[in-house]
């Protein structure tokens, strides 16, 4: 038997999961009509009615329920397999992007302790500042000052307080005491 187009199965799976063409359309970023068309193409390819359409609502037929059991398992397996492929291998280096001053004053002095505690982890350090596009830049972890807005989806944790203050030569009058900066 020849398989129907895979996109029709993907659309069917979303429509069956939501029991609604409109919600499937939102998930897939297509129109309600596009979902309806793809489901109709699948029904024609299989020669079976997969949904019963009543009063602006859809309900799975027995054939639809059977097919949904198959597609749900297949798409869950496909999603898990793709997620596994995207995970870095155990041997992949940890790519760390760090502002130069933080690297110099805070990170680099701590790296030997990290390497002793985690001898199998290879660290690639990049000196950079500002916002980070983790996927585009291939960065795993970034150390930054808290001087711009972070994407709320990111996990952000304060590592230390930053202190700022004037630097003067010894003996210069008007010495000021450094105060912690807001981070």
N, C-alpha and C. Protein backbone atom coordinates (compact mmCIF):
# COMPACT_ATOMS: atom_id res chain seq x y z
N UNK A 1 0.84 -1.19 0.00
CA UNK A 1 0.00 0.00 0.00
C UNK A 1 0.88 1.25 0.00
N UNK A 2 0.51 2.20 -0.82
CA UNK A 2 1.24 3.46 -0.90
C UNK A 2 0.82 4.36 0.26
N UNK A 3 1.82 4.97 0.92
CA UNK A 3 1.52 5.88 2.03
C UNK A 3 0.90 7.17 1.52
N UNK A 4 -0.04 7.73 2.28
CA UNK A 4 -0.56 9.05 1.92
C UNK A 4 0.52 10.10 2.20
N UNK A 5 0.38 11.30 1.68
CA UNK A 5 1.39 12.34 1.95
C UNK A 5 1.57 12.53 3.47
N UNK A 6 2.82 12.61 3.90
CA UNK A 6 3.10 12.70 5.34
C UNK A 6 2.51 13.96 5.97
N UNK A 7 2.43 15.04 5.22
CA UNK A 7 1.86 16.26 5.79
C UNK A 7 0.40 16.05 6.17
N UNK A 8 -0.34 15.24 5.39
CA UNK A 8 -1.74 14.98 5.74
C UNK A 8 -1.81 14.23 7.06
N UNK A 9 -0.87 13.35 7.32
CA UNK A 9 -0.85 12.62 8.59
C UNK A 9 -0.51 13.55 9.75
N UNK A 10 0.41 14.46 9.52
CA UNK A 10 0.79 15.43 10.56
C UNK A 10 -0.40 16.32 10.92
N UNK A 11 -1.10 16.80 9.90
CA UNK A 11 -2.26 17.65 10.13
C UNK A 11 -3.38 16.85 10.81
N UNK A 12 -3.61 15.63 10.34
CA UNK A 12 -4.61 14.77 10.98
C UNK A 12 -4.30 14.58 12.45
N UNK A 13 -3.04 14.31 12.77
CA UNK A 13 -2.64 14.06 14.16
C UNK A 13 -2.96 15.27 15.04
N UNK A 14 -2.66 16.46 14.56
CA UNK A 14 -2.96 17.68 15.34
C UNK A 14 -4.46 17.86 15.49
N UNK A 15 -5.21 17.63 14.42
CA UNK A 15 -6.67 17.78 14.49
C UNK A 15 -7.28 16.75 15.43
N UNK A 16 -6.76 15.53 15.40
CA UNK A 16 -7.29 14.48 16.28
C UNK A 16 -6.94 14.76 17.74
N UNK A 17 -5.73 15.25 17.98
CA UNK A 17 -5.31 15.57 19.35
C UNK A 17 -6.19 16.66 19.95
N UNK A 18 -6.50 17.67 19.15
CA UNK A 18 -7.30 18.81 19.64
C UNK A 18 -8.79 18.59 19.49
N UNK A 19 -9.19 17.61 18.68
CA UNK A 19 -10.60 17.40 18.35
C UNK A 19 -11.21 18.68 17.81
N UNK A 20 -10.39 19.46 17.10
CA UNK A 20 -10.86 20.73 16.53
C UNK A 20 -9.90 21.15 15.43
N UNK A 21 -10.45 21.51 14.27
CA UNK A 21 -9.62 21.96 13.17
C UNK A 21 -9.02 23.33 13.46
N UNK A 22 -9.76 24.19 14.14
CA UNK A 22 -9.27 25.53 14.45
C UNK A 22 -8.04 25.50 15.35
N UNK A 23 -8.07 24.68 16.40
CA UNK A 23 -6.92 24.58 17.31
C UNK A 23 -5.73 23.94 16.61
N UNK A 24 -6.00 22.97 15.75
CA UNK A 24 -4.92 22.35 14.97
C UNK A 24 -4.29 23.40 14.06
N UNK A 25 -5.12 24.25 13.47
CA UNK A 25 -4.62 25.31 12.58
C UNK A 25 -3.71 26.26 13.35
N UNK A 26 -4.11 26.63 14.57
CA UNK A 26 -3.27 27.52 15.40
C UNK A 26 -1.93 26.87 15.69
N UNK A 27 -1.95 25.60 16.08
CA UNK A 27 -0.70 24.89 16.40
C UNK A 27 0.23 24.82 15.19
N UNK A 28 -0.34 24.57 14.03
CA UNK A 28 0.46 24.38 12.82
C UNK A 28 0.73 25.68 12.05
N UNK A 29 0.15 26.78 12.54
CA UNK A 29 0.33 28.09 11.90
C UNK A 29 -0.17 28.09 10.46
N UNK A 30 -1.35 27.51 10.28
CA UNK A 30 -2.03 27.52 8.99
C UNK A 30 -3.48 27.92 9.21
N UNK A 31 -4.25 28.00 8.15
CA UNK A 31 -5.66 28.37 8.29
C UNK A 31 -6.51 27.15 8.60
N UNK A 32 -7.71 27.41 9.09
CA UNK A 32 -8.69 26.35 9.35
C UNK A 32 -8.97 25.60 8.05
N UNK A 33 -9.09 26.35 6.95
CA UNK A 33 -9.36 25.74 5.65
C UNK A 33 -8.24 24.81 5.20
N UNK A 34 -7.00 25.17 5.51
CA UNK A 34 -5.86 24.32 5.14
C UNK A 34 -5.92 22.99 5.90
N UNK A 35 -6.29 23.05 7.16
CA UNK A 35 -6.42 21.81 7.95
C UNK A 35 -7.54 20.95 7.36
N UNK A 36 -8.67 21.57 7.09
CA UNK A 36 -9.81 20.85 6.52
C UNK A 36 -9.44 20.19 5.20
N UNK A 37 -8.70 20.91 4.35
CA UNK A 37 -8.27 20.39 3.05
C UNK A 37 -7.34 19.19 3.22
N UNK A 38 -6.37 19.30 4.13
CA UNK A 38 -5.42 18.21 4.33
C UNK A 38 -6.12 16.96 4.87
N UNK A 39 -7.06 17.15 5.79
CA UNK A 39 -7.81 16.01 6.33
C UNK A 39 -8.64 15.37 5.22
N UNK A 40 -9.28 16.20 4.39
CA UNK A 40 -10.09 15.67 3.29
C UNK A 40 -9.19 14.88 2.32
N UNK A 41 -7.98 15.39 2.01
CA UNK A 41 -7.06 14.66 1.14
C UNK A 41 -6.68 13.30 1.73
N UNK A 42 -6.45 13.28 3.04
CA UNK A 42 -6.11 12.01 3.70
C UNK A 42 -7.28 11.04 3.65
N UNK A 43 -8.48 11.55 3.92
CA UNK A 43 -9.67 10.69 3.87
C UNK A 43 -9.85 10.11 2.46
N UNK A 44 -9.63 10.93 1.44
CA UNK A 44 -9.76 10.46 0.06
C UNK A 44 -8.68 9.43 -0.27
N UNK A 45 -7.45 9.67 0.20
CA UNK A 45 -6.35 8.73 -0.07
C UNK A 45 -6.60 7.38 0.59
N UNK A 46 -7.21 7.40 1.78
CA UNK A 46 -7.47 6.15 2.50
C UNK A 46 -8.81 5.53 2.13
N UNK A 47 -9.70 6.35 1.58
CA UNK A 47 -11.05 5.86 1.28
C UNK A 47 -11.87 5.66 2.53
N UNK A 48 -11.58 6.43 3.58
CA UNK A 48 -12.27 6.30 4.87
C UNK A 48 -12.62 7.67 5.42
N UNK A 49 -13.72 7.75 6.15
CA UNK A 49 -14.05 8.97 6.88
C UNK A 49 -13.34 8.89 8.22
N UNK A 50 -12.53 9.91 8.53
CA UNK A 50 -11.78 9.92 9.79
C UNK A 50 -12.44 10.79 10.85
N UNK A 51 -13.21 11.75 10.39
CA UNK A 51 -13.93 12.65 11.29
C UNK A 51 -15.40 12.67 10.91
N UNK A 52 -16.22 12.81 11.91
CA UNK A 52 -17.64 13.08 11.70
C UNK A 52 -17.81 14.57 11.97
N UNK A 53 -18.39 15.27 11.02
CA UNK A 53 -18.54 16.72 11.14
C UNK A 53 -19.98 17.03 11.49
N UNK A 54 -20.19 17.62 12.68
CA UNK A 54 -21.54 17.96 13.14
C UNK A 54 -21.52 19.31 13.84
N UNK A 55 -22.48 20.16 13.48
CA UNK A 55 -22.69 21.44 14.20
C UNK A 55 -21.39 22.18 14.47
N UNK A 56 -20.60 22.42 13.45
CA UNK A 56 -19.34 23.16 13.56
C UNK A 56 -18.34 22.49 14.51
N UNK A 57 -18.49 21.19 14.75
CA UNK A 57 -17.57 20.43 15.59
C UNK A 57 -17.17 19.16 14.83
N UNK A 58 -16.04 18.59 15.21
CA UNK A 58 -15.59 17.34 14.58
C UNK A 58 -15.36 16.28 15.65
N UNK A 59 -15.66 15.05 15.29
CA UNK A 59 -15.50 13.92 16.19
C UNK A 59 -14.83 12.80 15.42
N UNK A 60 -13.88 12.11 16.05
CA UNK A 60 -13.20 11.00 15.38
C UNK A 60 -14.16 9.85 15.15
N UNK A 61 -14.09 9.25 13.97
CA UNK A 61 -14.83 8.01 13.69
C UNK A 61 -13.99 6.87 14.27
N UNK A 62 -14.51 5.64 14.19
CA UNK A 62 -13.72 4.49 14.65
C UNK A 62 -12.41 4.39 13.88
N UNK A 63 -12.48 4.60 12.57
CA UNK A 63 -11.26 4.57 11.75
C UNK A 63 -10.32 5.70 12.17
N UNK A 64 -10.86 6.86 12.48
CA UNK A 64 -10.06 7.99 12.92
C UNK A 64 -9.35 7.69 14.24
N UNK A 65 -10.07 7.06 15.16
CA UNK A 65 -9.44 6.70 16.46
C UNK A 65 -8.30 5.71 16.25
N UNK A 66 -8.51 4.73 15.36
CA UNK A 66 -7.46 3.74 15.10
C UNK A 66 -6.23 4.41 14.47
N UNK A 67 -6.47 5.29 13.51
CA UNK A 67 -5.35 5.97 12.87
C UNK A 67 -4.65 6.89 13.87
N UNK A 68 -5.41 7.53 14.74
CA UNK A 68 -4.80 8.44 15.73
C UNK A 68 -3.89 7.67 16.68
N UNK A 69 -4.25 6.47 17.06
CA UNK A 69 -3.37 5.65 17.91
C UNK A 69 -2.03 5.43 17.22
N UNK A 70 -2.05 5.23 15.91
CA UNK A 70 -0.82 5.02 15.14
C UNK A 70 -0.03 6.32 15.02
N UNK A 71 -0.70 7.40 14.59
CA UNK A 71 0.03 8.66 14.36
C UNK A 71 0.56 9.24 15.65
N UNK A 72 -0.21 9.13 16.73
CA UNK A 72 0.26 9.68 18.01
C UNK A 72 1.58 9.02 18.40
N UNK A 73 1.63 7.69 18.33
CA UNK A 73 2.86 6.99 18.67
C UNK A 73 4.01 7.34 17.74
N UNK A 74 3.72 7.44 16.44
CA UNK A 74 4.77 7.76 15.48
C UNK A 74 5.34 9.16 15.69
N UNK A 75 4.45 10.15 15.88
CA UNK A 75 4.94 11.52 16.04
C UNK A 75 5.62 11.71 17.40
N UNK A 76 5.18 11.00 18.44
CA UNK A 76 5.89 11.07 19.73
C UNK A 76 7.28 10.48 19.59
N UNK A 77 7.37 9.35 18.88
CA UNK A 77 8.67 8.71 18.66
C UNK A 77 9.57 9.61 17.80
N UNK A 78 9.02 10.21 16.77
CA UNK A 78 9.78 11.11 15.91
C UNK A 78 10.28 12.32 16.69
N UNK A 79 9.41 12.91 17.51
CA UNK A 79 9.78 14.07 18.32
C UNK A 79 10.91 13.71 19.29
N UNK A 80 10.78 12.57 19.96
CA UNK A 80 11.82 12.14 20.91
C UNK A 80 13.14 11.86 20.18
N UNK A 81 13.06 11.23 19.02
CA UNK A 81 14.28 10.94 18.25
C UNK A 81 14.98 12.20 17.78
N UNK A 82 14.20 13.19 17.33
CA UNK A 82 14.80 14.45 16.89
C UNK A 82 15.40 15.21 18.06
N UNK A 83 14.73 15.19 19.21
CA UNK A 83 15.28 15.86 20.39
C UNK A 83 16.60 15.24 20.80
N UNK A 84 16.67 13.92 20.70
CA UNK A 84 17.92 13.22 21.05
C UNK A 84 19.05 13.60 20.10
N UNK A 85 18.72 13.73 18.82
CA UNK A 85 19.73 14.13 17.83
C UNK A 85 20.27 15.53 18.10
N UNK A 86 19.41 16.41 18.59
CA UNK A 86 19.81 17.79 18.82
C UNK A 86 20.62 17.97 20.09
N UNK A 87 20.60 16.99 20.99
CA UNK A 87 21.37 17.11 22.22
C UNK A 87 22.86 16.98 21.90
N UNK A 88 23.66 17.82 22.52
CA UNK A 88 25.10 17.71 22.26
C UNK A 88 25.62 16.38 22.80
N UNK A 89 26.61 15.85 22.12
CA UNK A 89 27.19 14.60 22.59
C UNK A 89 27.94 14.85 23.89
N UNK A 90 28.18 13.77 24.61
CA UNK A 90 28.88 13.88 25.90
C UNK A 90 30.27 14.47 25.72
N UNK A 91 30.89 14.23 24.56
CA UNK A 91 32.24 14.72 24.32
C UNK A 91 32.28 16.16 23.82
N UNK A 92 31.11 16.73 23.52
CA UNK A 92 31.08 18.10 22.98
C UNK A 92 31.58 19.08 24.04
N UNK A 93 32.34 20.08 23.63
CA UNK A 93 32.83 21.06 24.60
C UNK A 93 31.69 21.94 25.11
N UNK A 94 31.87 22.46 26.30
CA UNK A 94 30.95 23.43 26.87
C UNK A 94 31.36 24.79 26.33
N UNK A 95 30.47 25.42 25.56
CA UNK A 95 30.79 26.72 24.96
C UNK A 95 30.27 27.80 25.89
N UNK A 96 31.20 28.60 26.41
CA UNK A 96 30.90 29.62 27.41
C UNK A 96 31.25 30.98 26.84
N UNK A 97 30.26 31.86 26.80
CA UNK A 97 30.47 33.22 26.34
C UNK A 97 30.47 34.11 27.58
N UNK A 98 31.49 34.95 27.69
CA UNK A 98 31.64 35.74 28.91
C UNK A 98 32.17 37.13 28.57
N UNK A 99 31.63 38.12 29.27
CA UNK A 99 32.14 39.48 29.08
C UNK A 99 33.62 39.49 29.49
N UNK A 100 34.46 40.20 28.76
CA UNK A 100 35.90 40.15 29.01
C UNK A 100 36.30 40.47 30.46
N UNK A 101 35.71 41.50 31.05
CA UNK A 101 36.13 41.83 32.42
C UNK A 101 35.69 40.77 33.41
N UNK A 102 34.51 40.21 33.20
CA UNK A 102 34.04 39.14 34.10
C UNK A 102 34.95 37.93 33.92
N UNK A 103 35.33 37.63 32.69
CA UNK A 103 36.22 36.49 32.45
C UNK A 103 37.55 36.70 33.16
N UNK A 104 38.10 37.88 33.02
CA UNK A 104 39.42 38.17 33.59
C UNK A 104 39.39 38.17 35.12
N UNK A 105 38.41 38.85 35.68
CA UNK A 105 38.41 39.07 37.13
C UNK A 105 37.70 37.96 37.92
N UNK A 106 36.75 37.26 37.31
CA UNK A 106 35.97 36.31 38.09
C UNK A 106 36.10 34.88 37.57
N UNK A 107 35.91 34.67 36.25
CA UNK A 107 35.84 33.32 35.70
C UNK A 107 37.19 32.61 35.63
N UNK A 108 38.16 33.25 35.00
CA UNK A 108 39.45 32.58 34.76
C UNK A 108 40.11 32.12 36.07
N UNK A 109 40.07 32.93 37.15
CA UNK A 109 40.64 32.42 38.39
C UNK A 109 39.93 31.17 38.93
N UNK A 110 38.69 30.93 38.54
CA UNK A 110 37.93 29.78 39.03
C UNK A 110 38.01 28.56 38.11
N UNK A 111 38.51 28.74 36.89
CA UNK A 111 38.57 27.63 35.94
C UNK A 111 39.40 26.44 36.41
N UNK A 112 40.56 26.63 37.04
CA UNK A 112 41.32 25.45 37.49
C UNK A 112 40.53 24.57 38.46
N UNK A 113 39.78 25.19 39.37
CA UNK A 113 38.95 24.40 40.29
C UNK A 113 37.87 23.64 39.53
N UNK A 114 37.27 24.30 38.54
CA UNK A 114 36.25 23.64 37.73
C UNK A 114 36.85 22.45 36.99
N UNK A 115 38.03 22.63 36.39
CA UNK A 115 38.67 21.55 35.65
C UNK A 115 39.05 20.38 36.55
N UNK A 116 39.48 20.67 37.79
CA UNK A 116 39.76 19.58 38.73
C UNK A 116 38.49 18.82 39.09
N UNK A 117 37.39 19.55 39.27
CA UNK A 117 36.13 18.91 39.64
C UNK A 117 35.48 18.19 38.46
N UNK A 118 35.73 18.67 37.24
CA UNK A 118 35.11 18.10 36.03
C UNK A 118 36.18 17.89 34.96
N UNK A 119 37.08 16.93 35.16
CA UNK A 119 38.20 16.76 34.23
C UNK A 119 37.79 16.38 32.81
N UNK A 120 36.61 15.80 32.63
CA UNK A 120 36.18 15.39 31.30
C UNK A 120 35.51 16.49 30.50
N UNK A 121 35.29 17.64 31.11
CA UNK A 121 34.58 18.72 30.41
C UNK A 121 35.58 19.68 29.78
N UNK A 122 35.50 19.79 28.48
CA UNK A 122 36.35 20.74 27.77
C UNK A 122 35.56 22.04 27.63
N UNK A 123 36.18 23.16 28.02
CA UNK A 123 35.51 24.46 27.98
C UNK A 123 36.09 25.30 26.85
N UNK A 124 35.21 25.83 26.01
CA UNK A 124 35.61 26.79 24.98
C UNK A 124 35.08 28.14 25.45
N UNK A 125 35.99 29.07 25.69
CA UNK A 125 35.63 30.38 26.22
C UNK A 125 35.69 31.43 25.12
N UNK A 126 34.59 32.18 24.99
CA UNK A 126 34.53 33.29 24.03
C UNK A 126 34.28 34.58 24.80
N UNK A 127 35.12 35.57 24.58
CA UNK A 127 34.93 36.86 25.22
C UNK A 127 33.96 37.67 24.37
N UNK A 128 32.80 37.98 24.94
CA UNK A 128 31.77 38.74 24.23
C UNK A 128 30.82 39.35 25.24
N UNK A 129 30.13 40.40 24.84
CA UNK A 129 29.16 41.03 25.72
C UNK A 129 27.85 41.24 25.02
N UNK A 130 26.88 41.73 25.76
CA UNK A 130 25.56 42.03 25.20
C UNK A 130 24.66 40.81 25.13
N UNK A 131 23.49 40.99 24.51
CA UNK A 131 22.53 39.88 24.41
C UNK A 131 23.14 38.68 23.68
N UNK A 132 22.61 37.50 23.96
CA UNK A 132 23.14 36.26 23.39
C UNK A 132 22.03 35.55 22.62
N UNK A 133 22.33 35.13 21.39
CA UNK A 133 21.44 34.24 20.64
C UNK A 133 22.09 32.87 20.73
N UNK A 134 21.66 32.08 21.71
CA UNK A 134 22.32 30.81 22.02
C UNK A 134 22.39 29.89 20.81
N UNK A 135 21.30 29.74 20.09
CA UNK A 135 21.28 28.81 18.95
C UNK A 135 22.18 29.32 17.83
N UNK A 136 22.05 30.58 17.47
CA UNK A 136 22.82 31.11 16.33
C UNK A 136 24.31 31.17 16.63
N UNK A 137 24.66 31.45 17.88
CA UNK A 137 26.07 31.60 18.24
C UNK A 137 26.69 30.30 18.75
N UNK A 138 25.88 29.25 18.92
CA UNK A 138 26.39 27.97 19.40
C UNK A 138 26.88 28.02 20.83
N UNK A 139 26.29 28.89 21.64
CA UNK A 139 26.70 29.08 23.03
C UNK A 139 25.83 28.24 23.95
N UNK A 140 26.46 27.59 24.95
CA UNK A 140 25.72 26.81 25.95
C UNK A 140 25.39 27.64 27.18
N UNK A 141 26.35 28.43 27.63
CA UNK A 141 26.20 29.24 28.85
C UNK A 141 26.81 30.61 28.59
N UNK A 142 26.19 31.64 29.16
CA UNK A 142 26.73 32.99 29.00
C UNK A 142 26.78 33.68 30.36
N UNK A 143 27.86 34.38 30.61
CA UNK A 143 27.99 35.22 31.80
C UNK A 143 27.94 36.67 31.34
N UNK A 144 26.95 37.39 31.84
CA UNK A 144 26.74 38.77 31.42
C UNK A 144 26.41 39.64 32.61
N UNK A 145 26.61 40.94 32.43
CA UNK A 145 26.09 41.92 33.38
C UNK A 145 24.58 41.97 33.19
N UNK A 146 23.92 42.45 34.18
CA UNK A 146 22.46 42.55 34.12
C UNK A 146 22.07 43.95 33.65
N UNK A 147 22.54 44.36 32.47
CA UNK A 147 22.25 45.72 32.01
C UNK A 147 21.38 45.75 30.76
N UNK A 148 20.63 44.67 30.49
CA UNK A 148 19.64 44.65 29.42
C UNK A 148 18.60 43.59 29.77
N UNK A 149 17.46 43.62 29.06
CA UNK A 149 16.37 42.68 29.35
C UNK A 149 16.68 41.30 28.79
N UNK A 150 16.40 40.28 29.58
CA UNK A 150 16.61 38.89 29.17
C UNK A 150 15.30 38.31 28.67
N UNK A 151 15.38 37.38 27.76
CA UNK A 151 14.21 36.63 27.30
C UNK A 151 13.67 35.88 28.52
N UNK A 152 12.39 36.01 28.84
CA UNK A 152 11.84 35.34 30.02
C UNK A 152 11.93 33.81 29.94
N UNK A 153 12.14 33.25 28.76
CA UNK A 153 12.26 31.80 28.63
C UNK A 153 13.62 31.29 29.11
N UNK A 154 14.60 32.19 29.28
CA UNK A 154 15.93 31.78 29.70
C UNK A 154 16.00 31.61 31.22
N UNK A 155 16.85 30.72 31.66
CA UNK A 155 17.12 30.58 33.09
C UNK A 155 18.25 31.56 33.41
N UNK A 156 17.98 32.52 34.26
CA UNK A 156 18.96 33.54 34.62
C UNK A 156 19.21 33.45 36.11
N UNK A 157 20.49 33.44 36.49
CA UNK A 157 20.84 33.34 37.90
C UNK A 157 21.96 34.32 38.22
N UNK A 158 21.82 35.03 39.34
CA UNK A 158 22.87 35.96 39.76
C UNK A 158 24.05 35.16 40.30
N UNK A 159 25.22 35.49 39.82
CA UNK A 159 26.44 34.81 40.25
C UNK A 159 27.12 35.63 41.35
N UNK A 160 27.17 36.94 41.16
CA UNK A 160 27.82 37.79 42.15
C UNK A 160 27.35 39.23 41.98
N UNK A 161 27.63 40.04 42.97
CA UNK A 161 27.33 41.47 42.88
C UNK A 161 28.50 42.16 42.19
N UNK A 162 28.19 43.20 41.47
CA UNK A 162 29.24 43.98 40.82
C UNK A 162 29.44 45.26 41.61
N UNK A 163 30.69 45.60 41.89
CA UNK A 163 31.01 46.81 42.64
C UNK A 163 31.64 47.82 41.69
N UNK A 164 31.19 49.05 41.78
CA UNK A 164 31.79 50.09 40.95
C UNK A 164 32.18 51.25 41.86
N UNK A 165 33.17 51.94 41.46
CA UNK A 165 33.60 53.09 42.24
C UNK A 165 34.76 53.78 41.57
N UNK A 166 35.11 54.95 42.05
CA UNK A 166 36.22 55.68 41.45
C UNK A 166 37.56 55.00 41.78
N UNK A 167 38.48 55.15 40.88
CA UNK A 167 39.84 54.66 41.10
C UNK A 167 40.73 55.90 41.10
N UNK A 168 41.57 56.03 42.12
CA UNK A 168 42.41 57.22 42.22
C UNK A 168 43.81 56.81 42.64
N UNK A 169 44.72 57.71 42.44
CA UNK A 169 46.09 57.43 42.88
C UNK A 169 46.17 57.71 44.37
N UNK A 170 47.08 57.03 45.03
CA UNK A 170 47.21 57.23 46.48
C UNK A 170 47.48 58.69 46.81
N UNK A 171 46.87 59.14 47.88
CA UNK A 171 47.11 60.49 48.36
C UNK A 171 46.21 61.55 47.73
N UNK A 172 45.41 61.19 46.73
CA UNK A 172 44.52 62.18 46.10
C UNK A 172 43.35 62.45 47.04
N UNK A 173 43.06 63.71 47.29
CA UNK A 173 41.97 64.08 48.19
C UNK A 173 40.63 63.70 47.58
N UNK A 174 39.61 63.58 48.45
CA UNK A 174 38.24 63.32 48.00
C UNK A 174 38.00 61.86 47.67
N UNK A 175 38.67 60.97 48.36
CA UNK A 175 38.47 59.54 48.09
C UNK A 175 37.02 59.17 48.41
N UNK A 176 36.42 58.43 47.54
CA UNK A 176 35.03 58.00 47.73
C UNK A 176 35.01 56.50 47.97
N UNK A 177 34.04 56.07 48.73
CA UNK A 177 33.86 54.66 49.03
C UNK A 177 33.03 54.02 47.92
N UNK A 178 33.45 52.86 47.44
CA UNK A 178 32.71 52.16 46.39
C UNK A 178 31.40 51.59 46.94
N UNK A 179 30.34 51.68 46.17
CA UNK A 179 29.04 51.15 46.54
C UNK A 179 28.68 50.03 45.58
N UNK A 180 27.92 49.04 46.06
CA UNK A 180 27.55 47.96 45.14
C UNK A 180 26.63 48.49 44.05
N UNK A 181 26.87 48.03 42.83
CA UNK A 181 26.01 48.42 41.70
C UNK A 181 24.78 47.55 41.70
N UNK A 182 23.70 48.07 41.19
CA UNK A 182 22.47 47.31 41.03
C UNK A 182 22.67 46.32 39.90
N UNK A 183 22.42 45.01 40.14
CA UNK A 183 22.56 44.05 39.04
C UNK A 183 21.30 43.29 38.79
